[in-house]
């Protein structure tokens, strides 16, 4: 019975946040084949999260669709680390995001 209740809670959140509709709007990201991409649960209010590792370096990226985690009022990506801080990208700025991921992963 408990699992049914948890499933109903999940379905309610998915419906309220329009996850199925949003899937159509999230752009594809074409990662380099050498990168190790690990998809992780979207904790803390993010819609999606992943880590990317290469050699000894890594980055963390999340997608904040509802502006819950930062100061951006529309869907955005956040990259960490970036120059001892974070860097944010609008949803469509995928080329810039991927370029900066590569910069961090290739750094010595």
PDB file of N, CA and C in Angstrom:
ATOM      1  N   UNK A   1       0.822  -1.198   0.000  1.00  0.00           N
ATOM      2  CA  UNK A   1       0.000   0.000   0.000  1.00  0.00           C
ATOM      3  C   UNK A   1       0.864   1.259   0.000  1.00  0.00           C
ATOM      4  N   UNK A   2       1.973   1.217   0.744  1.00  0.00           N
ATOM      5  CA  UNK A   2       2.852   2.381   0.814  1.00  0.00           C
ATOM      6  C   UNK A   2       3.440   2.718  -0.557  1.00  0.00           C
ATOM      7  N   UNK A   3       3.807   1.696  -1.324  1.00  0.00           N
ATOM      8  CA  UNK A   3       4.384   1.967  -2.639  1.00  0.00           C
ATOM      9  C   UNK A   3       3.366   2.622  -3.571  1.00  0.00           C
ATOM     10  N   UNK A   4       2.105   2.268  -3.445  1.00  0.00           N
ATOM     11  CA  UNK A   4       1.059   2.891  -4.262  1.00  0.00           C
ATOM     12  C   UNK A   4       0.928   4.369  -3.905  1.00  0.00           C
ATOM     13  N   UNK A   5       0.996   4.685  -2.635  1.00  0.00           N
ATOM     14  CA  UNK A   5       0.911   6.074  -2.195  1.00  0.00           C
ATOM     15  C   UNK A   5       2.107   6.880  -2.713  1.00  0.00           C
ATOM     16  N   UNK A   6       3.288   6.297  -2.642  1.00  0.00           N
ATOM     17  CA  UNK A   6       4.482   6.981  -3.166  1.00  0.00           C
ATOM     18  C   UNK A   6       4.374   7.197  -4.671  1.00  0.00           C
ATOM     19  N   UNK A   7       3.853   6.213  -5.373  1.00  0.00           N
ATOM     20  CA  UNK A   7       3.677   6.341  -6.822  1.00  0.00           C
ATOM     21  C   UNK A   7       2.685   7.449  -7.155  1.00  0.00           C
ATOM     22  N   UNK A   8       1.643   7.563  -6.394  1.00  0.00           N
ATOM     23  CA  UNK A   8       0.656   8.618  -6.611  1.00  0.00           C
ATOM     24  C   UNK A   8       1.266   9.998  -6.351  1.00  0.00           C
ATOM     25  N   UNK A   9       2.111  10.104  -5.336  1.00  0.00           N
ATOM     26  CA  UNK A   9       2.800  11.366  -5.059  1.00  0.00           C
ATOM     27  C   UNK A   9       3.719  11.739  -6.222  1.00  0.00           C
ATOM     28  N   UNK A  10       4.452  10.742  -6.734  1.00  0.00           N
ATOM     29  CA  UNK A  10       5.339  10.987  -7.879  1.00  0.00           C
ATOM     30  C   UNK A  10       4.547  11.457  -9.090  1.00  0.00           C
ATOM     31  N   UNK A  11       3.460  10.773  -9.397  1.00  0.00           N
ATOM     32  CA  UNK A  11       2.631  11.150 -10.547  1.00  0.00           C
ATOM     33  C   UNK A  11       2.065  12.556 -10.389  1.00  0.00           C
ATOM     34  N   UNK A  12       1.715  12.919  -9.166  1.00  0.00           N
ATOM     35  CA  UNK A  12       1.187  14.258  -8.912  1.00  0.00           C
ATOM     36  C   UNK A  12       2.253  15.320  -9.204  1.00  0.00           C
ATOM     37  N   UNK A  13       3.470  15.096  -8.741  1.00  0.00           N
ATOM     38  CA  UNK A  13       4.569  16.046  -8.996  1.00  0.00           C
ATOM     39  C   UNK A  13       4.863  16.123 -10.491  1.00  0.00           C
ATOM     40  N   UNK A  14       4.970  14.965 -11.135  1.00  0.00           N
ATOM     41  CA  UNK A  14       5.238  14.946 -12.576  1.00  0.00           C
ATOM     42  C   UNK A  14       4.177  15.733 -13.339  1.00  0.00           C
ATOM     43  N   UNK A  15       2.930  15.579 -12.939  1.00  0.00           N
ATOM     44  CA  UNK A  15       1.834  16.287 -13.594  1.00  0.00           C
ATOM     45  C   UNK A  15       1.873  17.781 -13.295  1.00  0.00           C
ATOM     46  N   UNK A  16       2.033  18.146 -12.036  1.00  0.00           N
ATOM     47  CA  UNK A  16       2.061  19.555 -11.652  1.00  0.00           C
ATOM     48  C   UNK A  16       3.208  20.293 -12.335  1.00  0.00           C
ATOM     49  N   UNK A  17       4.350  19.633 -12.466  1.00  0.00           N
ATOM     50  CA  UNK A  17       5.517  20.282 -13.064  1.00  0.00           C
ATOM     51  C   UNK A  17       5.608  20.080 -14.576  1.00  0.00           C
ATOM     52  N   UNK A  18       4.646  19.380 -15.135  1.00  0.00           N
ATOM     53  CA  UNK A  18       4.544  19.209 -16.590  1.00  0.00           C
ATOM     54  C   UNK A  18       5.788  18.560 -17.203  1.00  0.00           C
ATOM     55  N   UNK A  19       6.299  17.527 -16.547  1.00  0.00           N
ATOM     56  CA  UNK A  19       7.525  16.888 -17.016  1.00  0.00           C
ATOM     57  C   UNK A  19       7.406  16.353 -18.433  1.00  0.00           C
ATOM     58  N   UNK A  20       6.288  15.753 -18.779  1.00  0.00           N
ATOM     59  CA  UNK A  20       6.147  15.186 -20.137  1.00  0.00           C
ATOM     60  C   UNK A  20       6.179  16.281 -21.200  1.00  0.00           C
ATOM     61  N   UNK A  21       5.555  17.411 -20.923  1.00  0.00           N
ATOM     62  CA  UNK A  21       5.575  18.520 -21.872  1.00  0.00           C
ATOM     63  C   UNK A  21       6.974  19.125 -21.986  1.00  0.00           C
ATOM     64  N   UNK A  22       7.637  19.254 -20.842  1.00  0.00           N
ATOM     65  CA  UNK A  22       8.979  19.843 -20.817  1.00  0.00           C
ATOM     66  C   UNK A  22       9.975  19.002 -21.609  1.00  0.00           C
ATOM     67  N   UNK A  23       9.803  17.688 -21.603  1.00  0.00           N
ATOM     68  CA  UNK A  23      10.731  16.805 -22.339  1.00  0.00           C
ATOM     69  C   UNK A  23      10.908  17.247 -23.787  1.00  0.00           C
ATOM     70  N   UNK A  24       9.837  17.753 -24.374  1.00  0.00           N
ATOM     71  CA  UNK A  24       9.880  18.180 -25.774  1.00  0.00           C
ATOM     72  C   UNK A  24      10.696  19.453 -25.959  1.00  0.00           C
ATOM     73  N   UNK A  25      10.885  20.224 -24.896  1.00  0.00           N
ATOM     74  CA  UNK A  25      11.558  21.517 -24.993  1.00  0.00           C
ATOM     75  C   UNK A  25      13.037  21.487 -24.606  1.00  0.00           C
ATOM     76  N   UNK A  26      13.465  20.455 -23.911  1.00  0.00           N
ATOM     77  CA  UNK A  26      14.868  20.377 -23.490  1.00  0.00           C
ATOM     78  C   UNK A  26      15.723  20.040 -24.702  1.00  0.00           C
ATOM     79  N   UNK A  27      16.716  20.880 -24.998  1.00  0.00           N
ATOM     80  CA  UNK A  27      17.567  20.595 -26.158  1.00  0.00           C
ATOM     81  C   UNK A  27      18.502  19.415 -25.896  1.00  0.00           C
ATOM     82  N   UNK A  28      18.895  18.765 -26.959  1.00  0.00           N
ATOM     83  CA  UNK A  28      19.871  17.678 -26.862  1.00  0.00           C
ATOM     84  C   UNK A  28      21.254  18.251 -26.581  1.00  0.00           C
ATOM     85  N   UNK A  29      22.043  17.480 -25.864  1.00  0.00           N
ATOM     86  CA  UNK A  29      23.441  17.829 -25.612  1.00  0.00           C
ATOM     87  C   UNK A  29      24.297  16.707 -26.189  1.00  0.00           C
ATOM     88  N   UNK A  30      25.199  17.056 -27.079  1.00  0.00           N
ATOM     89  CA  UNK A  30      26.050  16.070 -27.728  1.00  0.00           C
ATOM     90  C   UNK A  30      27.409  16.048 -27.051  1.00  0.00           C
ATOM     91  N   UNK A  31      27.553  15.100 -26.112  1.00  0.00           N
ATOM     92  CA  UNK A  31      28.786  14.981 -25.352  1.00  0.00           C
ATOM     93  C   UNK A  31      29.857  14.278 -26.168  1.00  0.00           C
ATOM     94  N   UNK A  32      31.109  14.610 -25.876  1.00  0.00           N
ATOM     95  CA  UNK A  32      32.214  13.897 -26.508  1.00  0.00           C
ATOM     96  C   UNK A  32      32.226  12.461 -26.011  1.00  0.00           C
ATOM     97  N   UNK A  33      32.592  11.546 -26.885  1.00  0.00           N
ATOM     98  CA  UNK A  33      32.551  10.129 -26.514  1.00  0.00           C
ATOM     99  C   UNK A  33      33.536   9.782 -25.409  1.00  0.00           C
ATOM    100  N   UNK A  34      34.580  10.585 -25.209  1.00  0.00           N
ATOM    101  CA  UNK A  34      35.568  10.313 -24.158  1.00  0.00           C
ATOM    102  C   UNK A  34      35.059  10.675 -22.765  1.00  0.00           C
ATOM    103  N   UNK A  35      34.039  11.477 -22.696  1.00  0.00           N
ATOM    104  CA  UNK A  35      33.530  11.937 -21.410  1.00  0.00           C
ATOM    105  C   UNK A  35      32.690  10.846 -20.754  1.00  0.00           C
ATOM    106  N   UNK A  36      32.820  10.748 -19.452  1.00  0.00           N
ATOM    107  CA  UNK A  36      32.004   9.829 -18.666  1.00  0.00           C
ATOM    108  C   UNK A  36      30.850  10.628 -18.064  1.00  0.00           C
ATOM    109  N   UNK A  37      29.657  10.374 -18.560  1.00  0.00           N
ATOM    110  CA  UNK A  37      28.472  11.120 -18.126  1.00  0.00           C
ATOM    111  C   UNK A  37      27.674  10.242 -17.169  1.00  0.00           C
ATOM    112  N   UNK A  38      27.404  10.782 -15.999  1.00  0.00           N
ATOM    113  CA  UNK A  38      26.626  10.073 -14.997  1.00  0.00           C
ATOM    114  C   UNK A  38      25.367  10.887 -14.699  1.00  0.00           C
ATOM    115  N   UNK A  39      24.220  10.317 -15.022  1.00  0.00           N
ATOM    116  CA  UNK A  39      22.939  10.955 -14.729  1.00  0.00           C
ATOM    117  C   UNK A  39      22.626  10.687 -13.258  1.00  0.00           C
ATOM    118  N   UNK A  40      22.237  11.741 -12.547  1.00  0.00           N
ATOM    119  CA  UNK A  40      21.912  11.585 -11.130  1.00  0.00           C
ATOM    120  C   UNK A  40      20.518  12.145 -10.867  1.00  0.00           C
ATOM    121  N   UNK A  41      19.900  11.781  -9.754  1.00  0.00           N
ATOM    122  CA  UNK A  41      18.549  12.280  -9.462  1.00  0.00           C
ATOM    123  C   UNK A  41      18.512  13.805  -9.352  1.00  0.00           C
ATOM    124  N   UNK A  42      17.383  14.390  -9.683  1.00  0.00           N
ATOM    125  CA  UNK A  42      17.253  15.853  -9.694  1.00  0.00           C
ATOM    126  C   UNK A  42      16.908  16.435  -8.324  1.00  0.00           C
ATOM    127  N   UNK A  43      17.793  16.247  -7.360  1.00  0.00           N
ATOM    128  CA  UNK A  43      17.523  16.734  -6.007  1.00  0.00           C
ATOM    129  C   UNK A  43      17.580  18.252  -5.934  1.00  0.00           C
ATOM    130  N   UNK A  44      17.032  18.790  -4.865  1.00  0.00           N
ATOM    131  CA  UNK A  44      17.139  20.217  -4.576  1.00  0.00           C
ATOM    132  C   UNK A  44      16.318  21.141  -5.446  1.00  0.00           C
ATOM    133  N   UNK A  45      15.367  20.608  -6.194  1.00  0.00           N
ATOM    134  CA  UNK A  45      14.533  21.469  -7.022  1.00  0.00           C
ATOM    135  C   UNK A  45      14.944  21.537  -8.480  1.00  0.00           C
ATOM    136  N   UNK A  46      16.068  20.913  -8.841  1.00  0.00           N
ATOM    137  CA  UNK A  46      16.486  20.885 -10.248  1.00  0.00           C
ATOM    138  C   UNK A  46      15.561  19.948 -11.025  1.00  0.00           C
ATOM    139  N   UNK A  47      15.437  20.185 -12.321  1.00  0.00           N
ATOM    140  CA  UNK A  47      14.664  19.292 -13.168  1.00  0.00           C
ATOM    141  C   UNK A  47      15.511  18.109 -13.620  1.00  0.00           C
ATOM    142  N   UNK A  48      16.802  18.351 -13.857  1.00  0.00           N
ATOM    143  CA  UNK A  48      17.723  17.296 -14.289  1.00  0.00           C
ATOM    144  C   UNK A  48      19.123  17.632 -13.772  1.00  0.00           C
ATOM    145  N   UNK A  49      19.912  16.577 -13.534  1.00  0.00           N
ATOM    146  CA  UNK A  49      21.291  16.756 -13.069  1.00  0.00           C
ATOM    147  C   UNK A  49      22.171  15.684 -13.693  1.00  0.00           C
ATOM    148  N   UNK A  50      23.439  16.063 -13.929  1.00  0.00           N
ATOM    149  CA  UNK A  50      24.425  15.079 -14.361  1.00  0.00           C
ATOM    150  C   UNK A  50      25.818  15.558 -14.018  1.00  0.00           C
ATOM    151  N   UNK A  51      26.724  14.582 -13.903  1.00  0.00           N
ATOM    152  CA  UNK A  51      28.149  14.847 -13.713  1.00  0.00           C
ATOM    153  C   UNK A  51      28.869  14.350 -14.948  1.00  0.00           C
ATOM    154  N   UNK A  52      29.947  15.046 -15.294  1.00  0.00           N
ATOM    155  CA  UNK A  52      30.778  14.602 -16.403  1.00  0.00           C
ATOM    156  C   UNK A  52      32.211  14.557 -15.907  1.00  0.00           C
ATOM    157  N   UNK A  53      32.869  13.439 -16.164  1.00  0.00           N
ATOM    158  CA  UNK A  53      34.266  13.300 -15.794  1.00  0.00           C
ATOM    159  C   UNK A  53      35.123  12.995 -17.007  1.00  0.00           C
ATOM    160  N   UNK A  54      36.358  13.474 -16.946  1.00  0.00           N
ATOM    161  CA  UNK A  54      37.342  13.180 -17.986  1.00  0.00           C
ATOM    162  C   UNK A  54      38.707  13.364 -17.371  1.00  0.00           C
ATOM    163  N   UNK A  55      39.545  12.349 -17.524  1.00  0.00           N
ATOM    164  CA  UNK A  55      40.853  12.323 -16.867  1.00  0.00           C
ATOM    165  C   UNK A  55      40.618  12.515 -15.369  1.00  0.00           C
ATOM    166  N   UNK A  56      41.232  13.502 -14.766  1.00  0.00           N
ATOM    167  CA  UNK A  56      41.078  13.745 -13.329  1.00  0.00           C
ATOM    168  C   UNK A  56      40.085  14.868 -13.029  1.00  0.00           C
ATOM    169  N   UNK A  57      39.444  15.406 -14.040  1.00  0.00           N
ATOM    170  CA  UNK A  57      38.547  16.546 -13.861  1.00  0.00           C
ATOM    171  C   UNK A  57      37.082  16.120 -13.938  1.00  0.00           C
ATOM    172  N   UNK A  58      36.231  16.947 -13.371  1.00  0.00           N
ATOM    173  CA  UNK A  58      34.796  16.694 -13.437  1.00  0.00           C
ATOM    174  C   UNK A  58      34.052  18.028 -13.437  1.00  0.00           C
ATOM    175  N   UNK A  59      32.831  17.985 -13.893  1.00  0.00           N
ATOM    176  CA  UNK A  59      31.904  19.109 -13.764  1.00  0.00           C
ATOM    177  C   UNK A  59      30.559  18.557 -13.332  1.00  0.00           C
ATOM    178  N   UNK A  60      29.786  19.423 -12.739  1.00  0.00           N
ATOM    179  CA  UNK A  60      28.414  19.122 -12.362  1.00  0.00           C
ATOM    180  C   UNK A  60      27.520  20.114 -13.097  1.00  0.00           C
ATOM    181  N   UNK A  61      26.447  19.601 -13.666  1.00  0.00           N
ATOM    182  CA  UNK A  61      25.513  20.456 -14.409  1.00  0.00           C
ATOM    183  C   UNK A  61      24.102  20.126 -13.961  1.00  0.00           C
ATOM    184  N   UNK A  62      23.297  21.158 -13.793  1.00  0.00           N
ATOM    185  CA  UNK A  62      21.877  20.911 -13.556  1.00  0.00           C
ATOM    186  C   UNK A  62      21.048  21.836 -14.421  1.00  0.00           C
ATOM    187  N   UNK A  63      19.801  21.427 -14.620  1.00  0.00           N
ATOM    188  CA  UNK A  63      18.829  22.207 -15.363  1.00  0.00           C
ATOM    189  C   UNK A  63      17.767  22.675 -14.377  1.00  0.00           C
ATOM    190  N   UNK A  64      17.662  23.981 -14.209  1.00  0.00           N
ATOM    191  CA  UNK A  64      16.648  24.580 -13.339  1.00  0.00           C
ATOM    192  C   UNK A  64      15.564  25.154 -14.242  1.00  0.00           C
ATOM    193  N   UNK A  65      14.453  24.487 -14.296  1.00  0.00           N
ATOM    194  CA  UNK A  65      13.385  24.891 -15.205  1.00  0.00           C
ATOM    195  C   UNK A  65      12.532  26.018 -14.643  1.00  0.00           C
ATOM    196  N   UNK A  66      12.380  26.033 -13.325  1.00  0.00           N
ATOM    197  CA  UNK A  66      11.450  26.964 -12.694  1.00  0.00           C
ATOM    198  C   UNK A  66      12.131  28.085 -11.904  1.00  0.00           C
ATOM    199  N   UNK A  67      13.421  28.268 -12.058  1.00  0.00           N
ATOM    200  CA  UNK A  67      14.116  29.348 -11.360  1.00  0.00           C
ATOM    201  C   UNK A  67      14.134  29.175  -9.852  1.00  0.00           C
ATOM    202  N   UNK A  68      14.189  27.955  -9.398  1.00  0.00           N
ATOM    203  CA  UNK A  68      14.156  27.675  -7.967  1.00  0.00           C
ATOM    204  C   UNK A  68      15.513  27.776  -7.297  1.00  0.00           C
ATOM    205  N   UNK A  69      16.571  27.588  -8.046  1.00  0.00           N
ATOM    206  CA  UNK A  69      17.889  27.428  -7.436  1.00  0.00           C
ATOM    207  C   UNK A  69      18.825  28.609  -7.636  1.00  0.00           C
ATOM    208  N   UNK A  70      18.477  29.521  -8.473  1.00  0.00           N
ATOM    209  CA  UNK A  70      19.366  30.636  -8.759  1.00  0.00           C
ATOM    210  C   UNK A  70      18.587  31.912  -8.967  1.00  0.00           C
ATOM    211  N   UNK A  71      19.212  32.801  -9.674  1.00  0.00           N
ATOM    212  CA  UNK A  71      18.610  34.119  -9.867  1.00  0.00           C
ATOM    213  C   UNK A  71      18.076  34.313 -11.286  1.00  0.00           C
ATOM    214  N   UNK A  72      17.926  33.233 -12.032  1.00  0.00           N
ATOM    215  CA  UNK A  72      17.436  33.313 -13.410  1.00  0.00           C
ATOM    216  C   UNK A  72      15.956  32.950 -13.409  1.00  0.00           C
ATOM    217  N   UNK A  73      15.154  33.746 -14.067  1.00  0.00           N
ATOM    218  CA  UNK A  73      13.702  33.580 -14.027  1.00  0.00           C
ATOM    219  C   UNK A  73      13.147  32.768 -15.190  1.00  0.00           C
ATOM    220  N   UNK A  74      14.021  32.105 -15.931  1.00  0.00           N
ATOM    221  CA  UNK A  74      13.589  31.237 -17.021  1.00  0.00           C
ATOM    222  C   UNK A  74      14.488  30.003 -17.002  1.00  0.00           C
ATOM    223  N   UNK A  75      14.149  28.961 -17.747  1.00  0.00           N
ATOM    224  CA  UNK A  75      14.967  27.749 -17.708  1.00  0.00           C
ATOM    225  C   UNK A  75      16.436  28.044 -18.041  1.00  0.00           C
ATOM    226  N   UNK A  76      17.327  27.445 -17.234  1.00  0.00           N
ATOM    227  CA  UNK A  76      18.752  27.650 -17.447  1.00  0.00           C
ATOM    228  C   UNK A  76      19.546  26.446 -16.964  1.00  0.00           C
ATOM    229  N   UNK A  77      20.755  26.324 -17.497  1.00  0.00           N
ATOM    230  CA  UNK A  77      21.735  25.331 -17.065  1.00  0.00           C
ATOM    231  C   UNK A  77      22.696  26.014 -16.095  1.00  0.00           C
ATOM    232  N   UNK A  78      23.182  25.255 -15.115  1.00  0.00           N
ATOM    233  CA  UNK A  78      24.249  25.774 -14.264  1.00  0.00           C
ATOM    234  C   UNK A  78      25.405  24.788 -14.278  1.00  0.00           C
ATOM    235  N   UNK A  79      26.602  25.307 -14.506  1.00  0.00           N
ATOM    236  CA  UNK A  79      27.842  24.543 -14.566  1.00  0.00           C
ATOM    237  C   UNK A  79      28.684  24.853 -13.334  1.00  0.00           C
ATOM    238  N   UNK A  80      29.210  23.794 -12.720  1.00  0.00           N
ATOM    239  CA  UNK A  80      30.112  23.944 -11.580  1.00  0.00           C
ATOM    240  C   UNK A  80      31.214  22.905 -11.719  1.00  0.00           C
ATOM    241  N   UNK A  81      32.447  23.233 -11.490  1.00  0.00           N
ATOM    242  CA  UNK A  81      32.978  24.555 -11.156  1.00  0.00           C
ATOM    243  C   UNK A  81      33.282  25.364 -12.410  1.00  0.00           C
ATOM    244  N   UNK A  82      33.277  26.646 -12.247  1.00  0.00           N
ATOM    245  CA  UNK A  82      33.711  27.568 -13.303  1.00  0.00           C
ATOM    246  C   UNK A  82      34.434  28.727 -12.629  1.00  0.00           C
ATOM    247  N   UNK A  83      35.736  28.791 -12.805  1.00  0.00           N
ATOM    248  CA  UNK A  83      36.567  29.859 -12.247  1.00  0.00           C
ATOM    249  C   UNK A  83      36.230  30.106 -10.772  1.00  0.00           C
ATOM    250  N   UNK A  84      36.279  29.041  -9.974  1.00  0.00           N
ATOM    251  CA  UNK A  84      36.002  29.099  -8.532  1.00  0.00           C
ATOM    252  C   UNK A  84      34.583  29.553  -8.210  1.00  0.00           C
ATOM    253  N   UNK A  85      33.671  29.385  -9.129  1.00  0.00           N
ATOM    254  CA  UNK A  85      32.277  29.773  -8.912  1.00  0.00           C
ATOM    255  C   UNK A  85      31.407  28.871  -9.784  1.00  0.00           C
ATOM    256  N   UNK A  86      30.273  29.381 -10.219  1.00  0.00           N
ATOM    257  CA  UNK A  86      29.385  28.689 -11.147  1.00  0.00           C
ATOM    258  C   UNK A  86      29.196  29.577 -12.375  1.00  0.00           C
ATOM    259  N   UNK A  87      28.657  28.979 -13.426  1.00  0.00           N
ATOM    260  CA  UNK A  87      28.311  29.758 -14.613  1.00  0.00           C
ATOM    261  C   UNK A  87      26.947  29.273 -15.084  1.00  0.00           C
ATOM    262  N   UNK A  88      26.114  30.204 -15.507  1.00  0.00           N
ATOM    263  CA  UNK A  88      24.761  29.883 -15.937  1.00  0.00           C
ATOM    264  C   UNK A  88      24.592  30.178 -17.430  1.00  0.00           C
ATOM    265  N   UNK A  89      23.706  29.399 -18.046  1.00  0.00           N
ATOM    266  CA  UNK A  89      23.446  29.492 -19.483  1.00  0.00           C
ATOM    267  C   UNK A  89      21.950  29.386 -19.705  1.00  0.00           C
ATOM    268  N   UNK A  90      21.422  30.214 -20.573  1.00  0.00           N
ATOM    269  CA  UNK A  90      20.025  30.046 -20.944  1.00  0.00           C
ATOM    270  C   UNK A  90      19.847  28.684 -21.613  1.00  0.00           C
ATOM    271  N   UNK A  91      18.649  28.194 -21.624  1.00  0.00           N
ATOM    272  CA  UNK A  91      18.341  26.860 -22.111  1.00  0.00           C
ATOM    273  C   UNK A  91      18.919  26.591 -23.496  1.00  0.00           C
ATOM    274  N   UNK A  92      18.870  27.573 -24.370  1.00  0.00           N
ATOM    275  CA  UNK A  92      19.317  27.373 -25.755  1.00  0.00           C
ATOM    276  C   UNK A  92      20.820  27.576 -25.945  1.00  0.00           C
ATOM    277  N   UNK A  93      21.533  27.970 -24.920  1.00  0.00           N
ATOM    278  CA  UNK A  93      22.975  28.216 -25.037  1.00  0.00           C
ATOM    279  C   UNK A  93      23.787  26.930 -24.844  1.00  0.00           C
ATOM    280  N   UNK A  94      23.367  25.891 -25.548  1.00  0.00           N
ATOM    281  CA  UNK A  94      24.008  24.592 -25.363  1.00  0.00           C
ATOM    282  C   UNK A  94      25.428  24.550 -25.929  1.00  0.00           C
ATOM    283  N   UNK A  95      25.682  25.239 -27.021  1.00  0.00           N
ATOM    284  CA  UNK A  95      27.044  25.246 -27.576  1.00  0.00           C
ATOM    285  C   UNK A  95      28.019  25.882 -26.602  1.00  0.00           C
ATOM    286  N   UNK A  96      27.620  26.986 -25.978  1.00  0.00           N
ATOM    287  CA  UNK A  96      28.466  27.655 -24.993  1.00  0.00           C
ATOM    288  C   UNK A  96      28.691  26.757 -23.777  1.00  0.00           C
ATOM    289  N   UNK A  97      27.623  26.105 -23.321  1.00  0.00           N
ATOM    290  CA  UNK A  97      27.720  25.187 -22.189  1.00  0.00           C
ATOM    291  C   UNK A  97      28.716  24.067 -22.497  1.00  0.00           C
ATOM    292  N   UNK A  98      28.573  23.431 -23.633  1.00  0.00           N
ATOM    293  CA  UNK A  98      29.465  22.327 -23.996  1.00  0.00           C
ATOM    294  C   UNK A  98      30.911  22.790 -24.163  1.00  0.00           C
ATOM    295  N   UNK A  99      31.108  23.968 -24.718  1.00  0.00           N
ATOM    296  CA  UNK A  99      32.455  24.516 -24.871  1.00  0.00           C
ATOM    297  C   UNK A  99      33.097  24.735 -23.504  1.00  0.00           C
ATOM    298  N   UNK A 100      32.335  25.268 -22.564  1.00  0.00           N
ATOM    299  CA  UNK A 100      32.880  25.525 -21.230  1.00  0.00           C
ATOM    300  C   UNK A 100      33.092  24.230 -20.449  1.00  0.00           C
ATOM    301  N   UNK A 101      32.234  23.246 -20.651  1.00  0.00           N
ATOM    302  CA  UNK A 101      32.471  21.935 -20.039  1.00  0.00           C
ATOM    303  C   UNK A 101      33.811  21.395 -20.530  1.00  0.00           C
ATOM    304  N   UNK A 102      34.035  21.469 -21.816  1.00  0.00           N
ATOM    305  CA  UNK A 102      35.297  20.996 -22.392  1.00  0.00           C
ATOM    306  C   UNK A 102      36.486  21.761 -21.806  1.00  0.00           C
ATOM    307  N   UNK A 103      36.353  23.075 -21.642  1.00  0.00           N
ATOM    308  CA  UNK A 103      37.428  23.885 -21.081  1.00  0.00           C
ATOM    309  C   UNK A 103      37.801  23.386 -19.683  1.00  0.00           C
ATOM    310  N   UNK A 104      36.797  23.133 -18.854  1.00  0.00           N
ATOM    311  CA  UNK A 104      37.076  22.651 -17.491  1.00  0.00           C
ATOM    312  C   UNK A 104      37.682  21.252 -17.530  1.00  0.00           C
ATOM    313  N   UNK A 105      37.113  20.364 -18.331  1.00  0.00           N
ATOM    314  CA  UNK A 105      37.588  18.995 -18.366  1.00  0.00           C
ATOM    315  C   UNK A 105      38.995  18.869 -18.932  1.00  0.00           C
ATOM    316  N   UNK A 106      39.371  19.762 -19.828  1.00  0.00           N
ATOM    317  CA  UNK A 106      40.692  19.716 -20.450  1.00  0.00           C
ATOM    318  C   UNK A 106      41.749  20.480 -19.656  1.00  0.00           C
ATOM    319  N   UNK A 107      41.355  21.169 -18.600  1.00  0.00           N
ATOM    320  CA  UNK A 107      42.321  21.982 -17.845  1.00  0.00           C
ATOM    321  C   UNK A 107      43.289  21.075 -17.094  1.00  0.00           C
ATOM    322  N   UNK A 108      44.470  21.596 -16.894  1.00  0.00           N
ATOM    323  CA  UNK A 108      45.522  20.822 -16.191  1.00  0.00           C
ATOM    324  C   UNK A 108      45.471  21.066 -14.721  1.00  0.00           C
TER     325      UNK A 108
END
